[in-house]
Amino acid sequence: MAEILEIIMLVSFGASWPLNVIKSYRARTAKGKSLPFLCLIIFGYIAGIASKFVNEAYMSQFSEKWYVLCFYVLNLIMVSVDLGMYFRNRALDRKSEE
């Protein structure tokens, strides 16, 4: 049951990231984005992934519960893409100011 609730949490958070990436891509500006926030979210997902690897109970059942880790990795990838969009848009902001 704990894994199901964890997946619900990860899916809920993860559902917003593709929309945020699309919004960042279309906006073409970094205004309103927070670099520290994105870095903190990435750090949190890395910590969540690491917690799975150091959890002996989880690792002993990894062949049955690998999908939980996949949600963490998928969310980490999406937030990392959004971080990339931040730097792209910041460069576009600098170019438009010139």
PDB file of N, CA and C in Angstrom:
ATOM      1  N   MET A   1       0.821  -1.206   0.000  1.00  0.00           N
ATOM      2  CA  MET A   1       0.000   0.000   0.000  1.00  0.00           C
ATOM      3  C   MET A   1       0.861   1.265   0.000  1.00  0.00           C
ATOM      4  N   ALA A   2       1.980   1.218   0.745  1.00  0.00           N
ATOM      5  CA  ALA A   2       2.857   2.387   0.807  1.00  0.00           C
ATOM      6  C   ALA A   2       3.402   2.740  -0.579  1.00  0.00           C
ATOM      7  N   GLU A   3       3.737   1.707  -1.365  1.00  0.00           N
ATOM      8  CA  GLU A   3       4.260   1.957  -2.704  1.00  0.00           C
ATOM      9  C   GLU A   3       3.200   2.594  -3.606  1.00  0.00           C
ATOM     10  N   ILE A   4       1.967   2.157  -3.463  1.00  0.00           N
ATOM     11  CA  ILE A   4       0.880   2.724  -4.270  1.00  0.00           C
ATOM     12  C   ILE A   4       0.696   4.200  -3.945  1.00  0.00           C
ATOM     13  N   LEU A   5       0.704   4.543  -2.665  1.00  0.00           N
ATOM     14  CA  LEU A   5       0.576   5.944  -2.270  1.00  0.00           C
ATOM     15  C   LEU A   5       1.764   6.765  -2.761  1.00  0.00           C
ATOM     16  N   GLU A   6       2.948   6.172  -2.703  1.00  0.00           N
ATOM     17  CA  GLU A   6       4.140   6.858  -3.194  1.00  0.00           C
ATOM     18  C   GLU A   6       4.036   7.105  -4.697  1.00  0.00           C
ATOM     19  N   ILE A   7       3.547   6.128  -5.433  1.00  0.00           N
ATOM     20  CA  ILE A   7       3.376   6.290  -6.877  1.00  0.00           C
ATOM     21  C   ILE A   7       2.335   7.361  -7.180  1.00  0.00           C
ATOM     22  N   ILE A   8       1.257   7.389  -6.423  1.00  0.00           N
ATOM     23  CA  ILE A   8       0.237   8.432  -6.614  1.00  0.00           C
ATOM     24  C   ILE A   8       0.859   9.808  -6.421  1.00  0.00           C
ATOM     25  N   MET A   9       1.693   9.944  -5.390  1.00  0.00           N
ATOM     26  CA  MET A   9       2.373  11.214  -5.148  1.00  0.00           C
ATOM     27  C   MET A   9       3.285  11.561  -6.318  1.00  0.00           C
ATOM     28  N   LEU A  10       4.071  10.591  -6.783  1.00  0.00           N
ATOM     29  CA  LEU A  10       5.001  10.847  -7.879  1.00  0.00           C
ATOM     30  C   LEU A  10       4.273  11.156  -9.180  1.00  0.00           C
ATOM     31  N   VAL A  11       3.180  10.464  -9.447  1.00  0.00           N
ATOM     32  CA  VAL A  11       2.406  10.734 -10.659  1.00  0.00           C
ATOM     33  C   VAL A  11       1.766  12.112 -10.588  1.00  0.00           C
ATOM     34  N   SER A  12       1.276  12.481  -9.423  1.00  0.00           N
ATOM     35  CA  SER A  12       0.675  13.807  -9.255  1.00  0.00           C
ATOM     36  C   SER A  12       1.691  14.905  -9.513  1.00  0.00           C
ATOM     37  N   PHE A  13       2.879  14.758  -8.931  1.00  0.00           N
ATOM     38  CA  PHE A  13       3.930  15.749  -9.182  1.00  0.00           C
ATOM     39  C   PHE A  13       4.376  15.676 -10.638  1.00  0.00           C
ATOM     40  N   GLY A  14       4.556  14.460 -11.119  1.00  0.00           N
ATOM     41  CA  GLY A  14       5.068  14.268 -12.467  1.00  0.00           C
ATOM     42  C   GLY A  14       4.139  14.746 -13.563  1.00  0.00           C
ATOM     43  N   ALA A  15       2.859  14.744 -13.320  1.00  0.00           N
ATOM     44  CA  ALA A  15       1.899  15.185 -14.339  1.00  0.00           C
ATOM     45  C   ALA A  15       2.058  16.665 -14.666  1.00  0.00           C
ATOM     46  N   SER A  16       2.530  17.443 -13.722  1.00  0.00           N
ATOM     47  CA  SER A  16       2.668  18.879 -13.955  1.00  0.00           C
ATOM     48  C   SER A  16       3.938  19.231 -14.731  1.00  0.00           C
ATOM     49  N   TRP A  17       4.965  18.402 -14.674  1.00  0.00           N
ATOM     50  CA  TRP A  17       6.233  18.772 -15.304  1.00  0.00           C
ATOM     51  C   TRP A  17       6.178  18.836 -16.830  1.00  0.00           C
ATOM     52  N   PRO A  18       5.538  17.908 -17.533  1.00  0.00           N
ATOM     53  CA  PRO A  18       5.478  18.069 -18.995  1.00  0.00           C
ATOM     54  C   PRO A  18       4.768  19.370 -19.397  1.00  0.00           C
ATOM     55  N   LEU A  19       3.721  19.713 -18.669  1.00  0.00           N
ATOM     56  CA  LEU A  19       3.020  20.968 -18.960  1.00  0.00           C
ATOM     57  C   LEU A  19       3.920  22.166 -18.698  1.00  0.00           C
ATOM     58  N   ASN A  20       4.711  22.085 -17.645  1.00  0.00           N
ATOM     59  CA  ASN A  20       5.625  23.170 -17.314  1.00  0.00           C
ATOM     60  C   ASN A  20       6.729  23.303 -18.360  1.00  0.00           C
ATOM     61  N   VAL A  21       7.220  22.181 -18.872  1.00  0.00           N
ATOM     62  CA  VAL A  21       8.243  22.214 -19.919  1.00  0.00           C
ATOM     63  C   VAL A  21       7.674  22.857 -21.179  1.00  0.00           C
ATOM     64  N   ILE A  22       6.473  22.473 -21.556  1.00  0.00           N
ATOM     65  CA  ILE A  22       5.825  23.074 -22.740  1.00  0.00           C
ATOM     66  C   ILE A  22       5.638  24.566 -22.546  1.00  0.00           C
ATOM     67  N   LYS A  23       5.200  24.956 -21.367  1.00  0.00           N
ATOM     68  CA  LYS A  23       5.008  26.384 -21.074  1.00  0.00           C
ATOM     69  C   LYS A  23       6.340  27.128 -21.162  1.00  0.00           C
ATOM     70  N   SER A  24       7.386  26.550 -20.620  1.00  0.00           N
ATOM     71  CA  SER A  24       8.714  27.177 -20.685  1.00  0.00           C
ATOM     72  C   SER A  24       9.187  27.309 -22.121  1.00  0.00           C
ATOM     73  N   TYR A  25       8.956  26.273 -22.909  1.00  0.00           N
ATOM     74  CA  TYR A  25       9.380  26.295 -24.313  1.00  0.00           C
ATOM     75  C   TYR A  25       8.656  27.393 -25.083  1.00  0.00           C
ATOM     76  N   ARG A  26       7.362  27.494 -24.868  1.00  0.00           N
ATOM     77  CA  ARG A  26       6.560  28.487 -25.603  1.00  0.00           C
ATOM     78  C   ARG A  26       6.799  29.899 -25.106  1.00  0.00           C
ATOM     79  N   ALA A  27       7.066  30.064 -23.819  1.00  0.00           N
ATOM     80  CA  ALA A  27       7.230  31.403 -23.229  1.00  0.00           C
ATOM     81  C   ALA A  27       8.480  32.094 -23.752  1.00  0.00           C
ATOM     82  N   ARG A  28       9.542  31.317 -23.995  1.00  0.00           N
ATOM     83  CA  ARG A  28      10.805  31.859 -24.486  1.00  0.00           C
ATOM     84  C   ARG A  28      11.372  32.930 -23.570  1.00  0.00           C
ATOM     85  N   THR A  29      11.081  32.831 -22.276  1.00  0.00           N
ATOM     86  CA  THR A  29      11.641  33.740 -21.283  1.00  0.00           C
ATOM     87  C   THR A  29      11.823  32.991 -19.968  1.00  0.00           C
ATOM     88  N   ALA A  30      12.847  33.380 -19.233  1.00  0.00           N
ATOM     89  CA  ALA A  30      13.104  32.775 -17.928  1.00  0.00           C
ATOM     90  C   ALA A  30      12.454  33.585 -16.811  1.00  0.00           C
ATOM     91  N   LYS A  31      11.822  34.675 -17.167  1.00  0.00           N
ATOM     92  CA  LYS A  31      11.169  35.507 -16.158  1.00  0.00           C
ATOM     93  C   LYS A  31      10.060  34.714 -15.475  1.00  0.00           C
ATOM     94  N   GLY A  32      10.051  34.765 -14.173  1.00  0.00           N
ATOM     95  CA  GLY A  32       9.060  34.039 -13.398  1.00  0.00           C
ATOM     96  C   GLY A  32       9.501  32.638 -13.008  1.00  0.00           C
ATOM     97  N   LYS A  33      10.659  32.205 -13.513  1.00  0.00           N
ATOM     98  CA  LYS A  33      11.208  30.893 -13.150  1.00  0.00           C
ATOM     99  C   LYS A  33      12.217  31.080 -12.022  1.00  0.00           C
ATOM    100  N   SER A  34      12.344  30.068 -11.200  1.00  0.00           N
ATOM    101  CA  SER A  34      13.280  30.118 -10.081  1.00  0.00           C
ATOM    102  C   SER A  34      14.309  28.998 -10.228  1.00  0.00           C
ATOM    103  N   LEU A  35      15.562  29.401 -10.466  1.00  0.00           N
ATOM    104  CA  LEU A  35      16.642  28.424 -10.575  1.00  0.00           C
ATOM    105  C   LEU A  35      16.835  27.660  -9.264  1.00  0.00           C
ATOM    106  N   PRO A  36      16.843  28.342  -8.107  1.00  0.00           N
ATOM    107  CA  PRO A  36      16.988  27.581  -6.853  1.00  0.00           C
ATOM    108  C   PRO A  36      15.858  26.564  -6.645  1.00  0.00           C
ATOM    109  N   PHE A  37      14.638  26.912  -7.029  1.00  0.00           N
ATOM    110  CA  PHE A  37      13.513  25.988  -6.888  1.00  0.00           C
ATOM    111  C   PHE A  37      13.732  24.738  -7.729  1.00  0.00           C
ATOM    112  N   LEU A  38      14.101  24.916  -8.996  1.00  0.00           N
ATOM    113  CA  LEU A  38      14.334  23.770  -9.877  1.00  0.00           C
ATOM    114  C   LEU A  38      15.469  22.898  -9.347  1.00  0.00           C
ATOM    115  N   CYS A  39      16.544  23.533  -8.875  1.00  0.00           N
ATOM    116  CA  CYS A  39      17.672  22.769  -8.333  1.00  0.00           C
ATOM    117  C   CYS A  39      17.265  22.008  -7.073  1.00  0.00           C
ATOM    118  N   LEU A  40      16.430  22.604  -6.251  1.00  0.00           N
ATOM    119  CA  LEU A  40      15.966  21.929  -5.035  1.00  0.00           C
ATOM    120  C   LEU A  40      15.095  20.721  -5.376  1.00  0.00           C
ATOM    121  N   ILE A  41      14.249  20.858  -6.366  1.00  0.00           N
ATOM    122  CA  ILE A  41      13.409  19.739  -6.797  1.00  0.00           C
ATOM    123  C   ILE A  41      14.279  18.603  -7.341  1.00  0.00           C
ATOM    124  N   ILE A  42      15.273  18.956  -8.155  1.00  0.00           N
ATOM    125  CA  ILE A  42      16.187  17.937  -8.688  1.00  0.00           C
ATOM    126  C   ILE A  42      16.914  17.240  -7.550  1.00  0.00           C
ATOM    127  N   PHE A  43      17.401  18.009  -6.589  1.00  0.00           N
ATOM    128  CA  PHE A  43      18.076  17.432  -5.426  1.00  0.00           C
ATOM    129  C   PHE A  43      17.150  16.469  -4.687  1.00  0.00           C
ATOM    130  N   GLY A  44      15.891  16.848  -4.534  1.00  0.00           N
ATOM    131  CA  GLY A  44      14.920  15.997  -3.855  1.00  0.00           C
ATOM    132  C   GLY A  44      14.689  14.686  -4.581  1.00  0.00           C
ATOM    133  N   TYR A  45      14.587  14.739  -5.908  1.00  0.00           N
ATOM    134  CA  TYR A  45      14.401  13.502  -6.667  1.00  0.00           C
ATOM    135  C   TYR A  45      15.644  12.614  -6.595  1.00  0.00           C
ATOM    136  N   ILE A  46      16.832  13.225  -6.635  1.00  0.00           N
ATOM    137  CA  ILE A  46      18.062  12.442  -6.497  1.00  0.00           C
ATOM    138  C   ILE A  46      18.107  11.777  -5.127  1.00  0.00           C
ATOM    139  N   ALA A  47      17.700  12.506  -4.088  1.00  0.00           N
ATOM    140  CA  ALA A  47      17.657  11.925  -2.742  1.00  0.00           C
ATOM    141  C   ALA A  47      16.645  10.781  -2.679  1.00  0.00           C
ATOM    142  N   GLY A  48      15.512  10.935  -3.343  1.00  0.00           N
ATOM    143  CA  GLY A  48      14.506   9.878  -3.379  1.00  0.00           C
ATOM    144  C   GLY A  48      15.021   8.629  -4.078  1.00  0.00           C
ATOM    145  N   ILE A  49      15.744   8.836  -5.175  1.00  0.00           N
ATOM    146  CA  ILE A  49      16.331   7.707  -5.895  1.00  0.00           C
ATOM    147  C   ILE A  49      17.380   7.023  -5.021  1.00  0.00           C
ATOM    148  N   ALA A  50      18.221   7.825  -4.398  1.00  0.00           N
ATOM    149  CA  ALA A  50      19.268   7.258  -3.527  1.00  0.00           C
ATOM    150  C   ALA A  50      18.651   6.487  -2.366  1.00  0.00           C
ATOM    151  N   SER A  51      17.532   6.991  -1.837  1.00  0.00           N
ATOM    152  CA  SER A  51      16.888   6.304  -0.712  1.00  0.00           C
ATOM    153  C   SER A  51      16.437   4.899  -1.101  1.00  0.00           C
ATOM    154  N   LYS A  52      16.051   4.738  -2.351  1.00  0.00           N
ATOM    155  CA  LYS A  52      15.641   3.409  -2.819  1.00  0.00           C
ATOM    156  C   LYS A  52      16.834   2.454  -2.843  1.00  0.00           C
ATOM    157  N   PHE A  53      17.984   2.963  -3.286  1.00  0.00           N
ATOM    158  CA  PHE A  53      19.164   2.105  -3.390  1.00  0.00           C
ATOM    159  C   PHE A  53      19.742   1.718  -2.025  1.00  0.00           C
ATOM    160  N   VAL A  54      19.565   2.551  -1.022  1.00  0.00           N
ATOM    161  CA  VAL A  54      20.104   2.220   0.307  1.00  0.00           C
ATOM    162  C   VAL A  54      19.084   1.506   1.192  1.00  0.00           C
ATOM    163  N   ASN A  55      17.858   1.385   0.721  1.00  0.00           N
ATOM    164  CA  ASN A  55      16.804   0.699   1.469  1.00  0.00           C
ATOM    165  C   ASN A  55      16.892  -0.801   1.177  1.00  0.00           C
ATOM    166  N   GLU A  56      17.393  -1.547   2.150  1.00  0.00           N
ATOM    167  CA  GLU A  56      17.592  -2.988   1.949  1.00  0.00           C
ATOM    168  C   GLU A  56      16.286  -3.723   1.651  1.00  0.00           C
ATOM    169  N   ALA A  57      15.216  -3.315   2.310  1.00  0.00           N
ATOM    170  CA  ALA A  57      13.922  -3.973   2.079  1.00  0.00           C
ATOM    171  C   ALA A  57      13.461  -3.752   0.642  1.00  0.00           C
ATOM    172  N   TYR A  58      13.637  -2.539   0.130  1.00  0.00           N
ATOM    173  CA  TYR A  58      13.249  -2.247  -1.253  1.00  0.00           C
ATOM    174  C   TYR A  58      14.132  -3.022  -2.225  1.00  0.00           C
ATOM    175  N   MET A  59      15.438  -2.994  -1.988  1.00  0.00           N
ATOM    176  CA  MET A  59      16.360  -3.656  -2.915  1.00  0.00           C
ATOM    177  C   MET A  59      16.177  -5.174  -2.926  1.00  0.00           C
ATOM    178  N   SER A  60      15.768  -5.737  -1.790  1.00  0.00           N
ATOM    179  CA  SER A  60      15.547  -7.187  -1.764  1.00  0.00           C
ATOM    180  C   SER A  60      14.332  -7.590  -2.597  1.00  0.00           C
ATOM    181  N   GLN A  61      13.434  -6.636  -2.840  1.00  0.00           N
ATOM    182  CA  GLN A  61      12.246  -6.898  -3.658  1.00  0.00           C
ATOM    183  C   GLN A  61      12.264  -6.083  -4.953  1.00  0.00           C
ATOM    184  N   PHE A  62      13.455  -5.672  -5.376  1.00  0.00           N
ATOM    185  CA  PHE A  62      13.579  -4.791  -6.540  1.00  0.00           C
ATOM    186  C   PHE A  62      12.923  -5.373  -7.781  1.00  0.00           C
ATOM    187  N   SER A  63      13.039  -6.660  -7.994  1.00  0.00           N
ATOM    188  CA  SER A  63      12.458  -7.266  -9.197  1.00  0.00           C
ATOM    189  C   SER A  63      10.937  -7.129  -9.232  1.00  0.00           C
ATOM    190  N   GLU A  64      10.325  -6.936  -8.065  1.00  0.00           N
ATOM    191  CA  GLU A  64       8.872  -6.757  -7.998  1.00  0.00           C
ATOM    192  C   GLU A  64       8.467  -5.289  -7.907  1.00  0.00           C
ATOM    193  N   LYS A  65       9.380  -4.420  -7.468  1.00  0.00           N
ATOM    194  CA  LYS A  65       9.016  -3.021  -7.213  1.00  0.00           C
ATOM    195  C   LYS A  65       9.870  -2.023  -7.991  1.00  0.00           C
ATOM    196  N   TRP A  66      10.460  -2.438  -9.098  1.00  0.00           N
ATOM    197  CA  TRP A  66      11.315  -1.569  -9.894  1.00  0.00           C
ATOM    198  C   TRP A  66      10.572  -0.354 -10.438  1.00  0.00           C
ATOM    199  N   TYR A  67       9.273  -0.501 -10.651  1.00  0.00           N
ATOM    200  CA  TYR A  67       8.466   0.555 -11.264  1.00  0.00           C
ATOM    201  C   TYR A  67       8.432   1.829 -10.418  1.00  0.00           C
ATOM    202  N   VAL A  68       8.556   1.701  -9.096  1.00  0.00           N
ATOM    203  CA  VAL A  68       8.554   2.891  -8.235  1.00  0.00           C
ATOM    204  C   VAL A  68       9.758   3.762  -8.572  1.00  0.00           C
ATOM    205  N   LEU A  69      10.900   3.146  -8.728  1.00  0.00           N
ATOM    206  CA  LEU A  69      12.118   3.870  -9.072  1.00  0.00           C
ATOM    207  C   LEU A  69      11.985   4.541 -10.443  1.00  0.00           C
ATOM    208  N   CYS A  70      11.281   3.894 -11.355  1.00  0.00           N
ATOM    209  CA  CYS A  70      11.077   4.472 -12.689  1.00  0.00           C
ATOM    210  C   CYS A  70      10.344   5.806 -12.625  1.00  0.00           C
ATOM    211  N   PHE A  71       9.380   5.923 -11.734  1.00  0.00           N
ATOM    212  CA  PHE A  71       8.654   7.189 -11.592  1.00  0.00           C
ATOM    213  C   PHE A  71       9.575   8.297 -11.086  1.00  0.00           C
ATOM    214  N   TYR A  72      10.456   7.971 -10.158  1.00  0.00           N
ATOM    215  CA  TYR A  72      11.431   8.957  -9.683  1.00  0.00           C
ATOM    216  C   TYR A  72      12.335   9.415 -10.829  1.00  0.00           C
ATOM    217  N   VAL A  73      12.839   8.457 -11.599  1.00  0.00           N
ATOM    218  CA  VAL A  73      13.744   8.782 -12.696  1.00  0.00           C
ATOM    219  C   VAL A  73      13.025   9.592 -13.767  1.00  0.00           C
ATOM    220  N   LEU A  74      11.811   9.213 -14.098  1.00  0.00           N
ATOM    221  CA  LEU A  74      11.036   9.953 -15.094  1.00  0.00           C
ATOM    222  C   LEU A  74      10.819  11.402 -14.647  1.00  0.00           C
ATOM    223  N   ASN A  75      10.453  11.594 -13.396  1.00  0.00           N
ATOM    224  CA  ASN A  75      10.261  12.952 -12.882  1.00  0.00           C
ATOM    225  C   ASN A  75      11.568  13.732 -12.891  1.00  0.00           C
ATOM    226  N   LEU A  76      12.660  13.082 -12.509  1.00  0.00           N
ATOM    227  CA  LEU A  76      13.969  13.743 -12.533  1.00  0.00           C
ATOM    228  C   LEU A  76      14.314  14.192 -13.947  1.00  0.00           C
ATOM    229  N   ILE A  77      14.052  13.362 -14.929  1.00  0.00           N
ATOM    230  CA  ILE A  77      14.323  13.725 -16.323  1.00  0.00           C
ATOM    231  C   ILE A  77      13.492  14.929 -16.733  1.00  0.00           C
ATOM    232  N   MET A  78      12.217  14.932 -16.383  1.00  0.00           N
ATOM    233  CA  MET A  78      11.351  16.048 -16.775  1.00  0.00           C
ATOM    234  C   MET A  78      11.787  17.361 -16.124  1.00  0.00           C
ATOM    235  N   VAL A  79      12.140  17.316 -14.854  1.00  0.00           N
ATOM    236  CA  VAL A  79      12.593  18.538 -14.183  1.00  0.00           C
ATOM    237  C   VAL A  79      13.928  18.990 -14.772  1.00  0.00           C
ATOM    238  N   SER A  80      14.779  18.049 -15.146  1.00  0.00           N
ATOM    239  CA  SER A  80      16.058  18.400 -15.765  1.00  0.00           C
ATOM    240  C   SER A  80      15.841  19.060 -17.123  1.00  0.00           C
ATOM    241  N   VAL A  81      14.870  18.584 -17.874  1.00  0.00           N
ATOM    242  CA  VAL A  81      14.533  19.230 -19.153  1.00  0.00           C
ATOM    243  C   VAL A  81      14.037  20.649 -18.891  1.00  0.00           C
ATOM    244  N   ASP A  82      13.223  20.828 -17.862  1.00  0.00           N
ATOM    245  CA  ASP A  82      12.749  22.168 -17.515  1.00  0.00           C
ATOM    246  C   ASP A  82      13.924  23.060 -17.106  1.00  0.00           C
ATOM    247  N   LEU A  83      14.902  22.502 -16.414  1.00  0.00           N
ATOM    248  CA  LEU A  83      16.109  23.259 -16.066  1.00  0.00           C
ATOM    249  C   LEU A  83      16.843  23.678 -17.340  1.00  0.00           C
ATOM    250  N   GLY A  84      16.929  22.782 -18.302  1.00  0.00           N
ATOM    251  CA  GLY A  84      17.524  23.130 -19.590  1.00  0.00           C
ATOM    252  C   GLY A  84      16.761  24.252 -20.285  1.00  0.00           C
ATOM    253  N   MET A  85      15.437  24.207 -20.204  1.00  0.00           N
ATOM    254  CA  MET A  85      14.614  25.275 -20.779  1.00  0.00           C
ATOM    255  C   MET A  85      14.881  26.606 -20.078  1.00  0.00           C
ATOM    256  N   TYR A  86      15.137  26.549 -18.770  1.00  0.00           N
ATOM    257  CA  TYR A  86      15.464  27.769 -18.021  1.00  0.00           C
ATOM    258  C   TYR A  86      16.713  28.432 -18.604  1.00  0.00           C
ATOM    259  N   PHE A  87      17.770  27.641 -18.810  1.00  0.00           N
ATOM    260  CA  PHE A  87      19.009  28.209 -19.338  1.00  0.00           C
ATOM    261  C   PHE A  87      18.851  28.659 -20.780  1.00  0.00           C
ATOM    262  N   ARG A  88      18.083  27.926 -21.570  1.00  0.00           N
ATOM    263  CA  ARG A  88      17.793  28.353 -22.942  1.00  0.00           C
ATOM    264  C   ARG A  88      17.068  29.684 -22.933  1.00  0.00           C
ATOM    265  N   ASN A  89      16.039  29.785 -22.095  1.00  0.00           N
ATOM    266  CA  ASN A  89      15.243  31.003 -22.060  1.00  0.00           C
ATOM    267  C   ASN A  89      16.021  32.181 -21.477  1.00  0.00           C
ATOM    268  N   ARG A  90      16.920  31.902 -20.549  1.00  0.00           N
ATOM    269  CA  ARG A  90      17.748  32.979 -19.997  1.00  0.00           C
ATOM    270  C   ARG A  90      18.664  33.528 -21.087  1.00  0.00           C
ATOM    271  N   ALA A  91      19.198  32.641 -21.919  1.00  0.00           N
ATOM    272  CA  ALA A  91      20.022  33.093 -23.040  1.00  0.00           C
ATOM    273  C   ALA A  91      19.193  33.913 -24.026  1.00  0.00           C
ATOM    274  N   LEU A  92      17.959  33.493 -24.273  1.00  0.00           N
ATOM    275  CA  LEU A  92      17.075  34.259 -25.164  1.00  0.00           C
ATOM    276  C   LEU A  92      16.750  35.621 -24.561  1.00  0.00           C
ATOM    277  N   ASP A  93      16.572  35.676 -23.234  1.00  0.00           N
ATOM    278  CA  ASP A  93      16.314  36.963 -22.559  1.00  0.00           C
ATOM    279  C   ASP A  93      17.503  37.903 -22.746  1.00  0.00           C
ATOM    280  N   ARG A  94      18.702  37.378 -22.561  1.00  0.00           N
ATOM    281  CA  ARG A  94      19.916  38.211 -22.734  1.00  0.00           C
ATOM    282  C   ARG A  94      20.035  38.713 -24.167  1.00  0.00           C
ATOM    283  N   LYS A  95      19.740  37.822 -25.117  1.00  0.00           N
ATOM    284  CA  LYS A  95      19.835  38.201 -26.529  1.00  0.00           C
ATOM    285  C   LYS A  95      18.821  39.287 -26.873  1.00  0.00           C
ATOM    286  N   SER A  96      17.619  39.197 -26.331  1.00  0.00           N
ATOM    287  CA  SER A  96      16.587  40.201 -26.647  1.00  0.00           C
ATOM    288  C   SER A  96      16.868  41.535 -25.961  1.00  0.00           C
ATOM    289  N   GLU A  97      17.640  41.531 -24.873  1.00  0.00           N
ATOM    290  CA  GLU A  97      17.976  42.773 -24.188  1.00  0.00           C
ATOM    291  C   GLU A  97      19.064  43.542 -24.926  1.00  0.00           C
ATOM    292  N   GLU A  98      19.805  42.860 -25.773  1.00  0.00           N
ATOM    293  CA  GLU A  98      20.905  43.525 -26.498  1.00  0.00           C
ATOM    294  C   GLU A  98      20.425  44.367 -27.638  1.00  0.00           C
TER     295      GLU A  98
END
